[in-house]
């Protein structure tokens, strides 16, 4: 059992210290600029951005973001509602 990966450990065994950003707006008329500026100012090395509804996780940039993330990376979002619409959605996506 000692060789199994423990999902409840507070920190990964090897931190990469890479900050990855994700931004989203719901409609084409909304602008991503403010969110991207905030993520850039926070030090994100890579930012993924969608112009899609948050009603589900069928967002191409969100999927690319999840695929890009490695153990030890930190995901930054300007606000949790840009990532998930509800607590249940958040728990499902983090899982």
PDB file of N, CA and C in Angstrom:
ATOM      1  N   UNK A   1       0.810  -1.195   0.000  1.00  0.00           N
ATOM      2  CA  UNK A   1       0.000   0.000   0.000  1.00  0.00           C
ATOM      3  C   UNK A   1       0.854   1.259   0.000  1.00  0.00           C
ATOM      4  N   UNK A   2       2.086   1.184   0.448  1.00  0.00           N
ATOM      5  CA  UNK A   2       2.929   2.370   0.553  1.00  0.00           C
ATOM      6  C   UNK A   2       3.231   2.969  -0.812  1.00  0.00           C
ATOM      7  N   UNK A   3       3.154   2.174  -1.866  1.00  0.00           N
ATOM      8  CA  UNK A   3       3.466   2.665  -3.204  1.00  0.00           C
ATOM      9  C   UNK A   3       2.281   3.322  -3.898  1.00  0.00           C
ATOM     10  N   UNK A   4       1.096   3.297  -3.311  1.00  0.00           N
ATOM     11  CA  UNK A   4      -0.079   3.877  -3.949  1.00  0.00           C
ATOM     12  C   UNK A   4      -0.067   5.387  -3.796  1.00  0.00           C
ATOM     13  N   UNK A   5      -0.656   6.077  -4.735  1.00  0.00           N
ATOM     14  CA  UNK A   5      -0.739   7.530  -4.721  1.00  0.00           C
ATOM     15  C   UNK A   5      -1.846   7.953  -3.776  1.00  0.00           C
ATOM     16  N   UNK A   6      -1.530   8.810  -2.834  1.00  0.00           N
ATOM     17  CA  UNK A   6      -2.501   9.255  -1.836  1.00  0.00           C
ATOM     18  C   UNK A   6      -3.128  10.572  -2.282  1.00  0.00           C
ATOM     19  N   UNK A   7      -4.404  10.544  -2.675  1.00  0.00           N
ATOM     20  CA  UNK A   7      -5.084  11.739  -3.151  1.00  0.00           C
ATOM     21  C   UNK A   7      -5.351  12.748  -2.050  1.00  0.00           C
ATOM     22  N   UNK A   8      -5.215  12.349  -0.807  1.00  0.00           N
ATOM     23  CA  UNK A   8      -5.519  13.247   0.298  1.00  0.00           C
ATOM     24  C   UNK A   8      -4.289  13.969   0.847  1.00  0.00           C
ATOM     25  N   UNK A   9      -3.137  13.748   0.239  1.00  0.00           N
ATOM     26  CA  UNK A   9      -1.927  14.442   0.671  1.00  0.00           C
ATOM     27  C   UNK A   9      -2.071  15.921   0.331  1.00  0.00           C
ATOM     28  N   UNK A  10      -1.678  16.787   1.258  1.00  0.00           N
ATOM     29  CA  UNK A  10      -1.839  18.228   1.066  1.00  0.00           C
ATOM     30  C   UNK A  10      -1.030  18.756  -0.112  1.00  0.00           C
ATOM     31  N   UNK A  11       0.126  18.225  -0.357  1.00  0.00           N
ATOM     32  CA  UNK A  11       0.985  18.674  -1.455  1.00  0.00           C
ATOM     33  C   UNK A  11       1.427  17.460  -2.269  1.00  0.00           C
ATOM     34  N   UNK A  12       1.580  17.618  -3.578  1.00  0.00           N
ATOM     35  CA  UNK A  12       2.113  16.506  -4.380  1.00  0.00           C
ATOM     36  C   UNK A  12       3.570  16.248  -4.000  1.00  0.00           C
ATOM     37  N   UNK A  13       4.052  15.067  -4.306  1.00  0.00           N
ATOM     38  CA  UNK A  13       5.420  14.697  -3.949  1.00  0.00           C
ATOM     39  C   UNK A  13       6.439  15.640  -4.580  1.00  0.00           C
ATOM     40  N   UNK A  14       6.142  16.124  -5.773  1.00  0.00           N
ATOM     41  CA  UNK A  14       7.069  16.989  -6.477  1.00  0.00           C
ATOM     42  C   UNK A  14       6.289  18.157  -7.088  1.00  0.00           C
ATOM     43  N   UNK A  15       6.444  19.348  -6.519  1.00  0.00           N
ATOM     44  CA  UNK A  15       5.729  20.520  -7.029  1.00  0.00           C
ATOM     45  C   UNK A  15       6.457  21.074  -8.236  1.00  0.00           C
ATOM     46  N   UNK A  16       5.700  21.453  -9.252  1.00  0.00           N
ATOM     47  CA  UNK A  16       6.315  22.064 -10.424  1.00  0.00           C
ATOM     48  C   UNK A  16       6.294  23.577 -10.332  1.00  0.00           C
ATOM     49  N   UNK A  17       5.447  24.097  -9.431  1.00  0.00           N
ATOM     50  CA  UNK A  17       5.346  25.544  -9.230  1.00  0.00           C
ATOM     51  C   UNK A  17       4.818  26.286 -10.456  1.00  0.00           C
ATOM     52  N   UNK A  18       4.176  25.594 -11.384  1.00  0.00           N
ATOM     53  CA  UNK A  18       3.629  26.247 -12.565  1.00  0.00           C
ATOM     54  C   UNK A  18       2.187  26.639 -12.292  1.00  0.00           C
ATOM     55  N   UNK A  19       1.880  27.890 -12.531  1.00  0.00           N
ATOM     56  CA  UNK A  19       0.534  28.410 -12.341  1.00  0.00           C
ATOM     57  C   UNK A  19      -0.148  28.461 -13.703  1.00  0.00           C
ATOM     58  N   UNK A  20      -1.268  27.753 -13.832  1.00  0.00           N
ATOM     59  CA  UNK A  20      -2.031  27.667 -15.070  1.00  0.00           C
ATOM     60  C   UNK A  20      -3.359  28.380 -14.850  1.00  0.00           C
ATOM     61  N   UNK A  21      -3.784  29.205 -15.797  1.00  0.00           N
ATOM     62  CA  UNK A  21      -5.018  29.959 -15.647  1.00  0.00           C
ATOM     63  C   UNK A  21      -6.125  29.458 -16.552  1.00  0.00           C
ATOM     64  N   UNK A  22      -7.365  29.630 -16.088  1.00  0.00           N
ATOM     65  CA  UNK A  22      -8.542  29.321 -16.899  1.00  0.00           C
ATOM     66  C   UNK A  22      -9.550  30.453 -16.732  1.00  0.00           C
ATOM     67  N   UNK A  23     -10.000  30.990 -17.864  1.00  0.00           N
ATOM     68  CA  UNK A  23     -10.994  32.067 -17.883  1.00  0.00           C
ATOM     69  C   UNK A  23     -12.155  31.639 -18.774  1.00  0.00           C
ATOM     70  N   UNK A  24     -13.350  32.207 -18.480  1.00  0.00           N
ATOM     71  CA  UNK A  24     -14.511  31.869 -19.306  1.00  0.00           C
ATOM     72  C   UNK A  24     -15.519  32.999 -19.269  1.00  0.00           C
ATOM     73  N   UNK A  25     -16.087  33.256 -20.430  1.00  0.00           N
ATOM     74  CA  UNK A  25     -17.268  34.114 -20.525  1.00  0.00           C
ATOM     75  C   UNK A  25     -18.363  33.287 -21.175  1.00  0.00           C
ATOM     76  N   UNK A  26     -19.614  33.666 -20.910  1.00  0.00           N
ATOM     77  CA  UNK A  26     -20.747  32.851 -21.369  1.00  0.00           C
ATOM     78  C   UNK A  26     -21.218  33.191 -22.770  1.00  0.00           C
ATOM     79  N   UNK A  27     -21.058  34.443 -23.175  1.00  0.00           N
ATOM     80  CA  UNK A  27     -21.574  34.848 -24.478  1.00  0.00           C
ATOM     81  C   UNK A  27     -20.493  35.551 -25.283  1.00  0.00           C
ATOM     82  N   UNK A  28     -20.699  35.582 -26.579  1.00  0.00           N
ATOM     83  CA  UNK A  28     -19.750  36.233 -27.472  1.00  0.00           C
ATOM     84  C   UNK A  28     -19.609  37.726 -27.220  1.00  0.00           C
ATOM     85  N   UNK A  29     -20.646  38.349 -26.648  1.00  0.00           N
ATOM     86  CA  UNK A  29     -20.607  39.779 -26.385  1.00  0.00           C
ATOM     87  C   UNK A  29     -19.772  40.151 -25.167  1.00  0.00           C
ATOM     88  N   UNK A  30     -19.483  39.184 -24.313  1.00  0.00           N
ATOM     89  CA  UNK A  30     -18.665  39.452 -23.132  1.00  0.00           C
ATOM     90  C   UNK A  30     -17.189  39.395 -23.492  1.00  0.00           C
ATOM     91  N   UNK A  31     -16.378  40.079 -22.717  1.00  0.00           N
ATOM     92  CA  UNK A  31     -14.937  40.147 -22.990  1.00  0.00           C
ATOM     93  C   UNK A  31     -14.151  39.375 -21.942  1.00  0.00           C
ATOM     94  N   UNK A  32     -13.096  38.727 -22.398  1.00  0.00           N
ATOM     95  CA  UNK A  32     -12.218  37.967 -21.526  1.00  0.00           C
ATOM     96  C   UNK A  32     -11.084  38.821 -20.954  1.00  0.00           C
ATOM     97  N   UNK A  33     -10.922  40.034 -21.458  1.00  0.00           N
ATOM     98  CA  UNK A  33      -9.744  40.849 -21.135  1.00  0.00           C
ATOM     99  C   UNK A  33      -9.475  40.983 -19.639  1.00  0.00           C
ATOM    100  N   UNK A  34     -10.479  41.320 -18.860  1.00  0.00           N
ATOM    101  CA  UNK A  34     -10.282  41.557 -17.427  1.00  0.00           C
ATOM    102  C   UNK A  34      -9.803  40.279 -16.716  1.00  0.00           C
ATOM    103  N   UNK A  35     -10.397  39.138 -17.077  1.00  0.00           N
ATOM    104  CA  UNK A  35      -9.987  37.872 -16.469  1.00  0.00           C
ATOM    105  C   UNK A  35      -8.561  37.505 -16.866  1.00  0.00           C
ATOM    106  N   UNK A  36      -8.246  37.672 -18.145  1.00  0.00           N
ATOM    107  CA  UNK A  36      -6.895  37.340 -18.624  1.00  0.00           C
ATOM    108  C   UNK A  36      -5.869  38.263 -17.992  1.00  0.00           C
ATOM    109  N   UNK A  37      -6.192  39.545 -17.859  1.00  0.00           N
ATOM    110  CA  UNK A  37      -5.279  40.483 -17.197  1.00  0.00           C
ATOM    111  C   UNK A  37      -5.007  40.054 -15.758  1.00  0.00           C
ATOM    112  N   UNK A  38      -6.054  39.638 -15.040  1.00  0.00           N
ATOM    113  CA  UNK A  38      -5.890  39.208 -13.650  1.00  0.00           C
ATOM    114  C   UNK A  38      -5.035  37.943 -13.555  1.00  0.00           C
ATOM    115  N   UNK A  39      -5.252  36.998 -14.455  1.00  0.00           N
ATOM    116  CA  UNK A  39      -4.471  35.763 -14.450  1.00  0.00           C
ATOM    117  C   UNK A  39      -3.015  36.029 -14.819  1.00  0.00           C
ATOM    118  N   UNK A  40      -2.801  36.924 -15.753  1.00  0.00           N
ATOM    119  CA  UNK A  40      -1.438  37.307 -16.136  1.00  0.00           C
ATOM    120  C   UNK A  40      -0.732  37.971 -14.954  1.00  0.00           C
ATOM    121  N   UNK A  41      -1.421  38.892 -14.286  1.00  0.00           N
ATOM    122  CA  UNK A  41      -0.849  39.584 -13.127  1.00  0.00           C
ATOM    123  C   UNK A  41      -0.536  38.603 -11.991  1.00  0.00           C
ATOM    124  N   UNK A  42      -1.306  37.526 -11.896  1.00  0.00           N
ATOM    125  CA  UNK A  42      -1.072  36.521 -10.858  1.00  0.00           C
ATOM    126  C   UNK A  42       0.149  35.655 -11.165  1.00  0.00           C
ATOM    127  N   UNK A  43       0.648  35.728 -12.404  1.00  0.00           N
ATOM    128  CA  UNK A  43       1.836  34.971 -12.772  1.00  0.00           C
ATOM    129  C   UNK A  43       1.583  33.689 -13.531  1.00  0.00           C
ATOM    130  N   UNK A  44       0.397  33.544 -14.122  1.00  0.00           N
ATOM    131  CA  UNK A  44       0.094  32.334 -14.893  1.00  0.00           C
ATOM    132  C   UNK A  44       1.020  32.232 -16.094  1.00  0.00           C
ATOM    133  N   UNK A  45       1.616  31.061 -16.269  1.00  0.00           N
ATOM    134  CA  UNK A  45       2.507  30.831 -17.404  1.00  0.00           C
ATOM    135  C   UNK A  45       1.744  30.416 -18.647  1.00  0.00           C
ATOM    136  N   UNK A  46       0.542  29.899 -18.460  1.00  0.00           N
ATOM    137  CA  UNK A  46      -0.315  29.500 -19.586  1.00  0.00           C
ATOM    138  C   UNK A  46      -1.746  29.784 -19.177  1.00  0.00           C
ATOM    139  N   UNK A  47      -2.529  30.355 -20.095  1.00  0.00           N
ATOM    140  CA  UNK A  47      -3.924  30.679 -19.819  1.00  0.00           C
ATOM    141  C   UNK A  47      -4.808  30.068 -20.898  1.00  0.00           C
ATOM    142  N   UNK A  48      -5.827  29.357 -20.478  1.00  0.00           N
ATOM    143  CA  UNK A  48      -6.828  28.785 -21.366  1.00  0.00           C
ATOM    144  C   UNK A  48      -8.099  29.607 -21.194  1.00  0.00           C
ATOM    145  N   UNK A  49      -8.802  29.888 -22.287  1.00  0.00           N
ATOM    146  CA  UNK A  49      -9.997  30.731 -22.194  1.00  0.00           C
ATOM    147  C   UNK A  49     -11.087  30.221 -23.129  1.00  0.00           C
ATOM    148  N   UNK A  50     -12.290  30.112 -22.608  1.00  0.00           N
ATOM    149  CA  UNK A  50     -13.460  29.670 -23.374  1.00  0.00           C
ATOM    150  C   UNK A  50     -14.478  30.785 -23.483  1.00  0.00           C
ATOM    151  N   UNK A  51     -15.201  30.792 -24.594  1.00  0.00           N
ATOM    152  CA  UNK A  51     -16.394  31.624 -24.768  1.00  0.00           C
ATOM    153  C   UNK A  51     -17.554  30.660 -24.947  1.00  0.00           C
ATOM    154  N   UNK A  52     -17.909  30.011 -23.846  1.00  0.00           N
ATOM    155  CA  UNK A  52     -18.953  28.975 -23.841  1.00  0.00           C
ATOM    156  C   UNK A  52     -19.740  29.063 -22.550  1.00  0.00           C
ATOM    157  N   UNK A  53     -20.938  28.554 -22.574  1.00  0.00           N
ATOM    158  CA  UNK A  53     -21.748  28.440 -21.360  1.00  0.00           C
ATOM    159  C   UNK A  53     -21.057  27.499 -20.384  1.00  0.00           C
ATOM    160  N   UNK A  54     -21.247  27.746 -19.116  1.00  0.00           N
ATOM    161  CA  UNK A  54     -20.683  26.875 -18.102  1.00  0.00           C
ATOM    162  C   UNK A  54     -21.629  25.780 -17.670  1.00  0.00           C
ATOM    163  N   UNK A  55     -22.721  25.559 -18.433  1.00  0.00           N
ATOM    164  CA  UNK A  55     -23.734  24.581 -18.016  1.00  0.00           C
ATOM    165  C   UNK A  55     -23.197  23.158 -17.949  1.00  0.00           C
ATOM    166  N   UNK A  56     -22.112  22.883 -18.643  1.00  0.00           N
ATOM    167  CA  UNK A  56     -21.486  21.567 -18.569  1.00  0.00           C
ATOM    168  C   UNK A  56     -19.984  21.725 -18.801  1.00  0.00           C
ATOM    169  N   UNK A  57     -19.282  20.616 -18.789  1.00  0.00           N
ATOM    170  CA  UNK A  57     -17.831  20.696 -18.980  1.00  0.00           C
ATOM    171  C   UNK A  57     -17.427  20.441 -20.436  1.00  0.00           C
ATOM    172  N   UNK A  58     -18.351  20.603 -21.364  1.00  0.00           N
ATOM    173  CA  UNK A  58     -18.051  20.413 -22.786  1.00  0.00           C
ATOM    174  C   UNK A  58     -17.473  21.704 -23.370  1.00  0.00           C
ATOM    175  N   UNK A  59     -16.383  22.133 -22.775  1.00  0.00           N
ATOM    176  CA  UNK A  59     -15.705  23.352 -23.202  1.00  0.00           C
ATOM    177  C   UNK A  59     -14.311  22.963 -23.689  1.00  0.00           C
ATOM    178  N   UNK A  60     -13.992  23.250 -24.948  1.00  0.00           N
ATOM    179  CA  UNK A  60     -12.717  22.786 -25.511  1.00  0.00           C
ATOM    180  C   UNK A  60     -11.487  23.276 -24.750  1.00  0.00           C
ATOM    181  N   UNK A  61     -11.472  24.522 -24.349  1.00  0.00           N
ATOM    182  CA  UNK A  61     -10.297  25.035 -23.644  1.00  0.00           C
ATOM    183  C   UNK A  61     -10.206  24.469 -22.226  1.00  0.00           C
ATOM    184  N   UNK A  62     -11.344  24.177 -21.608  1.00  0.00           N
ATOM    185  CA  UNK A  62     -11.320  23.545 -20.287  1.00  0.00           C
ATOM    186  C   UNK A  62     -10.719  22.151 -20.395  1.00  0.00           C
ATOM    187  N   UNK A  63     -11.133  21.424 -21.401  1.00  0.00           N
ATOM    188  CA  UNK A  63     -10.572  20.080 -21.613  1.00  0.00           C
ATOM    189  C   UNK A  63      -9.079  20.157 -21.890  1.00  0.00           C
ATOM    190  N   UNK A  64      -8.662  21.123 -22.713  1.00  0.00           N
ATOM    191  CA  UNK A  64      -7.234  21.302 -23.000  1.00  0.00           C
ATOM    192  C   UNK A  64      -6.471  21.678 -21.728  1.00  0.00           C
ATOM    193  N   UNK A  65      -7.086  22.515 -20.909  1.00  0.00           N
ATOM    194  CA  UNK A  65      -6.480  22.916 -19.640  1.00  0.00           C
ATOM    195  C   UNK A  65      -6.269  21.705 -18.740  1.00  0.00           C
ATOM    196  N   UNK A  66      -7.294  20.890 -18.585  1.00  0.00           N
ATOM    197  CA  UNK A  66      -7.184  19.696 -17.745  1.00  0.00           C
ATOM    198  C   UNK A  66      -6.111  18.757 -18.288  1.00  0.00           C
ATOM    199  N   UNK A  67      -6.017  18.617 -19.604  1.00  0.00           N
ATOM    200  CA  UNK A  67      -5.004  17.740 -20.208  1.00  0.00           C
ATOM    201  C   UNK A  67      -3.594  18.297 -20.001  1.00  0.00           C
ATOM    202  N   UNK A  68      -3.471  19.616 -19.972  1.00  0.00           N
ATOM    203  CA  UNK A  68      -2.177  20.280 -19.829  1.00  0.00           C
ATOM    204  C   UNK A  68      -1.652  20.209 -18.397  1.00  0.00           C
ATOM    205  N   UNK A  69      -2.546  20.245 -17.422  1.00  0.00           N
ATOM    206  CA  UNK A  69      -2.141  20.251 -16.018  1.00  0.00           C
ATOM    207  C   UNK A  69      -1.368  18.990 -15.655  1.00  0.00           C
ATOM    208  N   UNK A  70      -0.301  19.189 -14.907  1.00  0.00           N
ATOM    209  CA  UNK A  70       0.503  18.067 -14.412  1.00  0.00           C
ATOM    210  C   UNK A  70       0.480  18.094 -12.889  1.00  0.00           C
ATOM    211  N   UNK A  71       0.826  16.982 -12.283  1.00  0.00           N
ATOM    212  CA  UNK A  71       0.888  16.919 -10.820  1.00  0.00           C
ATOM    213  C   UNK A  71       1.805  18.015 -10.312  1.00  0.00           C
ATOM    214  N   UNK A  72       1.312  18.768  -9.335  1.00  0.00           N
ATOM    215  CA  UNK A  72       2.098  19.852  -8.765  1.00  0.00           C
ATOM    216  C   UNK A  72       1.774  21.210  -9.339  1.00  0.00           C
ATOM    217  N   UNK A  73       1.115  21.256 -10.498  1.00  0.00           N
ATOM    218  CA  UNK A  73       0.687  22.530 -11.071  1.00  0.00           C
ATOM    219  C   UNK A  73      -0.467  23.086 -10.249  1.00  0.00           C
ATOM    220  N   UNK A  74      -0.664  24.385 -10.332  1.00  0.00           N
ATOM    221  CA  UNK A  74      -1.774  25.041  -9.650  1.00  0.00           C
ATOM    222  C   UNK A  74      -2.677  25.673 -10.685  1.00  0.00           C
ATOM    223  N   UNK A  75      -3.969  25.390 -10.603  1.00  0.00           N
ATOM    224  CA  UNK A  75      -4.956  25.992 -11.494  1.00  0.00           C
ATOM    225  C   UNK A  75      -5.512  27.244 -10.835  1.00  0.00           C
ATOM    226  N   UNK A  76      -5.453  28.355 -11.556  1.00  0.00           N
ATOM    227  CA  UNK A  76      -5.987  29.622 -11.056  1.00  0.00           C
ATOM    228  C   UNK A  76      -7.171  30.031 -11.920  1.00  0.00           C
ATOM    229  N   UNK A  77      -8.223  30.497 -11.268  1.00  0.00           N
ATOM    230  CA  UNK A  77      -9.396  31.031 -11.963  1.00  0.00           C
ATOM    231  C   UNK A  77      -9.743  32.374 -11.336  1.00  0.00           C
ATOM    232  N   UNK A  78     -10.236  33.331 -12.137  1.00  0.00           N
ATOM    233  CA  UNK A  78     -10.572  34.638 -11.574  1.00  0.00           C
ATOM    234  C   UNK A  78     -11.691  34.565 -10.539  1.00  0.00           C
ATOM    235  N   UNK A  79     -12.611  33.628 -10.713  1.00  0.00           N
ATOM    236  CA  UNK A  79     -13.714  33.403  -9.783  1.00  0.00           C
ATOM    237  C   UNK A  79     -14.198  31.969 -10.002  1.00  0.00           C
ATOM    238  N   UNK A  80     -14.634  31.305  -8.940  1.00  0.00           N
ATOM    239  CA  UNK A  80     -15.055  29.909  -9.077  1.00  0.00           C
ATOM    240  C   UNK A  80     -16.201  29.724 -10.057  1.00  0.00           C
ATOM    241  N   UNK A  81     -17.057  30.735 -10.221  1.00  0.00           N
ATOM    242  CA  UNK A  81     -18.170  30.580 -11.156  1.00  0.00           C
ATOM    243  C   UNK A  81     -17.707  30.591 -12.611  1.00  0.00           C
ATOM    244  N   UNK A  82     -16.486  30.949 -12.863  1.00  0.00           N
ATOM    245  CA  UNK A  82     -15.929  30.862 -14.214  1.00  0.00           C
ATOM    246  C   UNK A  82     -15.498  29.430 -14.522  1.00  0.00           C
ATOM    247  N   UNK A  83     -15.261  28.642 -13.480  1.00  0.00           N
ATOM    248  CA  UNK A  83     -14.824  27.258 -13.627  1.00  0.00           C
ATOM    249  C   UNK A  83     -15.995  26.286 -13.517  1.00  0.00           C
ATOM    250  N   UNK A  84     -16.828  26.475 -12.521  1.00  0.00           N
ATOM    251  CA  UNK A  84     -17.966  25.573 -12.279  1.00  0.00           C
ATOM    252  C   UNK A  84     -19.177  26.381 -11.850  1.00  0.00           C
ATOM    253  N   UNK A  85     -20.364  25.894 -12.182  1.00  0.00           N
ATOM    254  CA  UNK A  85     -21.597  26.633 -11.873  1.00  0.00           C
ATOM    255  C   UNK A  85     -22.163  26.347 -10.495  1.00  0.00           C
ATOM    256  N   UNK A  86     -21.748  25.248  -9.886  1.00  0.00           N
ATOM    257  CA  UNK A  86     -22.283  24.895  -8.577  1.00  0.00           C
ATOM    258  C   UNK A  86     -21.213  24.133  -7.797  1.00  0.00           C
ATOM    259  N   UNK A  87     -21.476  23.951  -6.531  1.00  0.00           N
ATOM    260  CA  UNK A  87     -20.558  23.179  -5.698  1.00  0.00           C
ATOM    261  C   UNK A  87     -20.436  21.755  -6.240  1.00  0.00           C
ATOM    262  N   UNK A  88     -21.551  21.171  -6.648  1.00  0.00           N
ATOM    263  CA  UNK A  88     -21.547  19.810  -7.200  1.00  0.00           C
ATOM    264  C   UNK A  88     -20.683  19.746  -8.458  1.00  0.00           C
ATOM    265  N   UNK A  89     -20.828  20.726  -9.371  1.00  0.00           N
ATOM    266  CA  UNK A  89     -20.005  20.766 -10.570  1.00  0.00           C
ATOM    267  C   UNK A  89     -18.518  20.875 -10.214  1.00  0.00           C
ATOM    268  N   UNK A  90     -18.222  21.722  -9.238  1.00  0.00           N
ATOM    269  CA  UNK A  90     -16.834  21.912  -8.813  1.00  0.00           C
ATOM    270  C   UNK A  90     -16.239  20.612  -8.289  1.00  0.00           C
ATOM    271  N   UNK A  91     -16.973  19.921  -7.437  1.00  0.00           N
ATOM    272  CA  UNK A  91     -16.488  18.650  -6.886  1.00  0.00           C
ATOM    273  C   UNK A  91     -16.278  17.630  -8.006  1.00  0.00           C
ATOM    274  N   UNK A  92     -17.210  17.556  -8.951  1.00  0.00           N
ATOM    275  CA  UNK A  92     -17.066  16.617 -10.070  1.00  0.00           C
ATOM    276  C   UNK A  92     -15.852  16.932 -10.929  1.00  0.00           C
ATOM    277  N   UNK A  93     -15.621  18.214 -11.201  1.00  0.00           N
ATOM    278  CA  UNK A  93     -14.498  18.571 -12.070  1.00  0.00           C
ATOM    279  C   UNK A  93     -13.159  18.371 -11.383  1.00  0.00           C
ATOM    280  N   UNK A  94     -13.091  18.679 -10.115  1.00  0.00           N
ATOM    281  CA  UNK A  94     -11.850  18.473  -9.388  1.00  0.00           C
ATOM    282  C   UNK A  94     -11.556  16.975  -9.280  1.00  0.00           C
ATOM    283  N   UNK A  95     -12.620  16.182  -9.150  1.00  0.00           N
ATOM    284  CA  UNK A  95     -12.441  14.724  -9.065  1.00  0.00           C
ATOM    285  C   UNK A  95     -11.969  14.175 -10.376  1.00  0.00           C
TER     286      UNK A  95
END
